[in-house]
Each structure stands twice: as structure tokens, then as C-alpha cells.
Amino acid sequence: MSSAAGADLPPETLSSILGCITPTYVTSDLDARRRLKHTLIAPSLVCKCWSETIRPILFQVLELRSAEDVRFLKSIVYSPQFATSSLSGAIKRIDIR
């Protein structure tokens, strides 16, 4: 049996698998969101394909805690690469604490 790389799976298949193990809604439970992110961080490092598929899940909800966080997000949003990145459609909600 040969080993398969993450890129060997079609993106649709990987998305379907992730859809089964992650909630399809943006939960307001901060602890649940943090657990989900911690669960997905390691798989997102498998390869570029997995990273691009998982990144939108990781960034559905952004939590800004300081003026520096707001400035950082502003610099990202105003960068030319943002419009073509997967993050532009991933952000569903921004919480400011």
C-alpha cells in the first residue's frame, strides 16, 4: 500500500470530510471555537492543499482584543493579495473584546 499525500485528495473530498467533523455554523461559544481551532491547526500544516482548505474554517470568526489587532486586520484587508485570497470570503464575524 502506498502512502498518499494530502494533495492526492480532491479538494471537494477534503472539504466533505472536514464538513463532517466541523460545525457548519459560526458558534458564539468562545471555548468551542478555540477547541475547533486547536483541533485543525495540525492538519492545516500537512500540506499546501490542506492549508488552503482548512484556512477558511480557522478564520470564520476573528477576535480582536486591542488597537494593534485592528491595525493588523486593516493592513491585511487593504493589501492587494486579500481580494484573491481564501480569507476574503472566509470571515463571517468579527468580535471586538
C-alpha atoms as a PDB file:
ATOM      1  CA  MET A   1       0.000   0.000   0.000  1.00  0.00           C
ATOM      2  CA  SER A   2       1.474   3.336  -0.996  1.00  0.00           C
ATOM      3  CA  SER A   3       1.268   6.381   1.181  1.00  0.00           C
ATOM      4  CA  ALA A   4      -0.924   9.223  -0.045  1.00  0.00           C
ATOM      5  CA  ALA A   5      -0.111  12.872   0.230  1.00  0.00           C
ATOM      6  CA  GLY A   6      -2.719  15.426   1.250  1.00  0.00           C
ATOM      7  CA  ALA A   7      -2.810  16.806  -2.270  1.00  0.00           C
ATOM      8  CA  ASP A   8      -3.866  13.380  -3.602  1.00  0.00           C
ATOM      9  CA  LEU A   9      -7.365  14.012  -2.261  1.00  0.00           C
ATOM     10  CA  PRO A  10      -9.562  16.212  -4.420  1.00  0.00           C
ATOM     11  CA  PRO A  11     -10.383  19.482  -2.591  1.00  0.00           C
ATOM     12  CA  GLU A  12     -14.083  18.584  -2.679  1.00  0.00           C
ATOM     13  CA  THR A  13     -13.403  15.327  -0.830  1.00  0.00           C
ATOM     14  CA  LEU A  14     -11.294  17.039   1.800  1.00  0.00           C
ATOM     15  CA  SER A  15     -13.988  19.705   2.228  1.00  0.00           C
ATOM     16  CA  SER A  16     -16.618  16.991   2.665  1.00  0.00           C
ATOM     17  CA  ILE A  17     -14.520  15.239   5.309  1.00  0.00           C
ATOM     18  CA  LEU A  18     -13.960  18.497   7.172  1.00  0.00           C
ATOM     19  CA  GLY A  19     -17.658  19.293   6.905  1.00  0.00           C
ATOM     20  CA  CYS A  20     -18.427  16.100   8.827  1.00  0.00           C
ATOM     21  CA  ILE A  21     -16.129  16.938  11.723  1.00  0.00           C
ATOM     22  CA  THR A  22     -16.620  20.696  11.991  1.00  0.00           C
ATOM     23  CA  PRO A  23     -19.780  22.673  12.644  1.00  0.00           C
ATOM     24  CA  THR A  24     -21.291  24.351   9.595  1.00  0.00           C
ATOM     25  CA  TYR A  25     -22.346  27.366  11.631  1.00  0.00           C
ATOM     26  CA  VAL A  26     -20.446  30.094  13.375  1.00  0.00           C
ATOM     27  CA  THR A  27     -20.856  29.283  17.041  1.00  0.00           C
ATOM     28  CA  SER A  28     -20.982  32.006  19.653  1.00  0.00           C
ATOM     29  CA  ASP A  29     -19.340  29.686  22.199  1.00  0.00           C
ATOM     30  CA  LEU A  30     -15.799  31.017  22.555  1.00  0.00           C
ATOM     31  CA  ASP A  31     -14.467  27.794  24.112  1.00  0.00           C
ATOM     32  CA  ALA A  32     -15.948  25.665  21.316  1.00  0.00           C
ATOM     33  CA  ARG A  33     -14.341  27.909  18.675  1.00  0.00           C
ATOM     34  CA  ARG A  34     -10.969  27.674  20.411  1.00  0.00           C
ATOM     35  CA  ARG A  35     -11.194  23.868  20.665  1.00  0.00           C
ATOM     36  CA  LEU A  36     -12.079  23.677  16.973  1.00  0.00           C
ATOM     37  CA  LYS A  37      -9.110  25.866  16.026  1.00  0.00           C
ATOM     38  CA  HIS A  38      -6.719  23.819  18.165  1.00  0.00           C
ATOM     39  CA  THR A  39      -8.037  20.645  16.522  1.00  0.00           C
ATOM     40  CA  LEU A  40      -7.490  21.992  12.997  1.00  0.00           C
ATOM     41  CA  ILE A  41      -4.118  23.682  13.374  1.00  0.00           C
ATOM     42  CA  ALA A  42      -2.031  20.495  12.984  1.00  0.00           C
ATOM     43  CA  PRO A  43      -3.962  19.189   9.931  1.00  0.00           C
ATOM     44  CA  SER A  44      -3.609  22.626   8.306  1.00  0.00           C
ATOM     45  CA  LEU A  45       0.172  22.105   8.349  1.00  0.00           C
ATOM     46  CA  VAL A  46       0.069  18.800   6.427  1.00  0.00           C
ATOM     47  CA  CYS A  47       0.489  20.428   3.028  1.00  0.00           C
ATOM     48  CA  LYS A  48      -0.487  23.482   0.996  1.00  0.00           C
ATOM     49  CA  CYS A  49      -3.700  21.831  -0.214  1.00  0.00           C
ATOM     50  CA  TRP A  50      -4.901  21.075   3.320  1.00  0.00           C
ATOM     51  CA  SER A  51      -3.860  24.532   4.499  1.00  0.00           C
ATOM     52  CA  GLU A  52      -5.910  26.233   1.790  1.00  0.00           C
ATOM     53  CA  THR A  53      -8.920  24.056   2.592  1.00  0.00           C
ATOM     54  CA  ILE A  54      -8.749  24.487   6.379  1.00  0.00           C
ATOM     55  CA  ARG A  55      -7.808  28.189   6.494  1.00  0.00           C
ATOM     56  CA  PRO A  56     -11.360  29.460   5.853  1.00  0.00           C
ATOM     57  CA  ILE A  57     -12.631  27.406   8.794  1.00  0.00           C
ATOM     58  CA  LEU A  58      -9.942  28.779  11.084  1.00  0.00           C
ATOM     59  CA  PHE A  59     -10.767  32.377  10.184  1.00  0.00           C
ATOM     60  CA  GLN A  60     -14.589  32.317  10.201  1.00  0.00           C
ATOM     61  CA  VAL A  61     -14.640  34.354  13.394  1.00  0.00           C
ATOM     62  CA  LEU A  62     -11.918  36.853  14.218  1.00  0.00           C
ATOM     63  CA  GLU A  63     -11.446  38.106  17.743  1.00  0.00           C
ATOM     64  CA  LEU A  64      -9.783  41.497  18.063  1.00  0.00           C
ATOM     65  CA  ARG A  65      -8.528  42.352  21.538  1.00  0.00           C
ATOM     66  CA  SER A  66      -6.507  45.522  21.011  1.00  0.00           C
ATOM     67  CA  ALA A  67      -5.981  48.501  18.756  1.00  0.00           C
ATOM     68  CA  GLU A  68      -2.938  46.683  17.400  1.00  0.00           C
ATOM     69  CA  ASP A  69      -5.182  43.771  16.314  1.00  0.00           C
ATOM     70  CA  VAL A  70      -7.465  46.229  14.494  1.00  0.00           C
ATOM     71  CA  ARG A  71      -4.493  47.848  12.728  1.00  0.00           C
ATOM     72  CA  PHE A  72      -3.152  44.417  11.745  1.00  0.00           C
ATOM     73  CA  LEU A  73      -6.511  43.370  10.275  1.00  0.00           C
ATOM     74  CA  LYS A  74      -6.752  46.689   8.433  1.00  0.00           C
ATOM     75  CA  SER A  75      -3.322  46.142   6.871  1.00  0.00           C
ATOM     76  CA  ILE A  76      -4.352  42.670   5.743  1.00  0.00           C
ATOM     77  CA  VAL A  77      -7.677  43.808   4.266  1.00  0.00           C
ATOM     78  CA  TYR A  78      -6.056  46.696   2.379  1.00  0.00           C
ATOM     79  CA  SER A  79      -3.311  44.500   0.898  1.00  0.00           C
ATOM     80  CA  PRO A  80      -3.734  43.646  -2.806  1.00  0.00           C
ATOM     81  CA  GLN A  81      -3.469  39.912  -2.101  1.00  0.00           C
ATOM     82  CA  PHE A  82      -6.507  39.911   0.215  1.00  0.00           C
ATOM     83  CA  ALA A  83      -9.077  40.165  -2.587  1.00  0.00           C
ATOM     84  CA  THR A  84      -7.781  36.977  -4.212  1.00  0.00           C
ATOM     85  CA  SER A  85      -7.091  35.041  -1.008  1.00  0.00           C
ATOM     86  CA  SER A  86      -9.384  32.463   0.546  1.00  0.00           C
ATOM     87  CA  LEU A  87      -9.654  34.692   3.612  1.00  0.00           C
ATOM     88  CA  SER A  88     -11.719  37.332   1.831  1.00  0.00           C
ATOM     89  CA  GLY A  89     -14.750  35.046   1.786  1.00  0.00           C
ATOM     90  CA  ALA A  90     -13.961  33.187   4.995  1.00  0.00           C
ATOM     91  CA  ILE A  91     -14.550  35.897   7.584  1.00  0.00           C
ATOM     92  CA  LYS A  92     -18.132  35.641   8.810  1.00  0.00           C
ATOM     93  CA  ARG A  93     -17.925  37.629  12.024  1.00  0.00           C
ATOM     94  CA  ILE A  94     -15.525  39.906  13.878  1.00  0.00           C
ATOM     95  CA  ASP A  95     -15.726  40.089  17.675  1.00  0.00           C
ATOM     96  CA  ILE A  96     -14.135  43.051  19.414  1.00  0.00           C
ATOM     97  CA  ARG A  97     -13.309  42.493  23.075  1.00  0.00           C
END
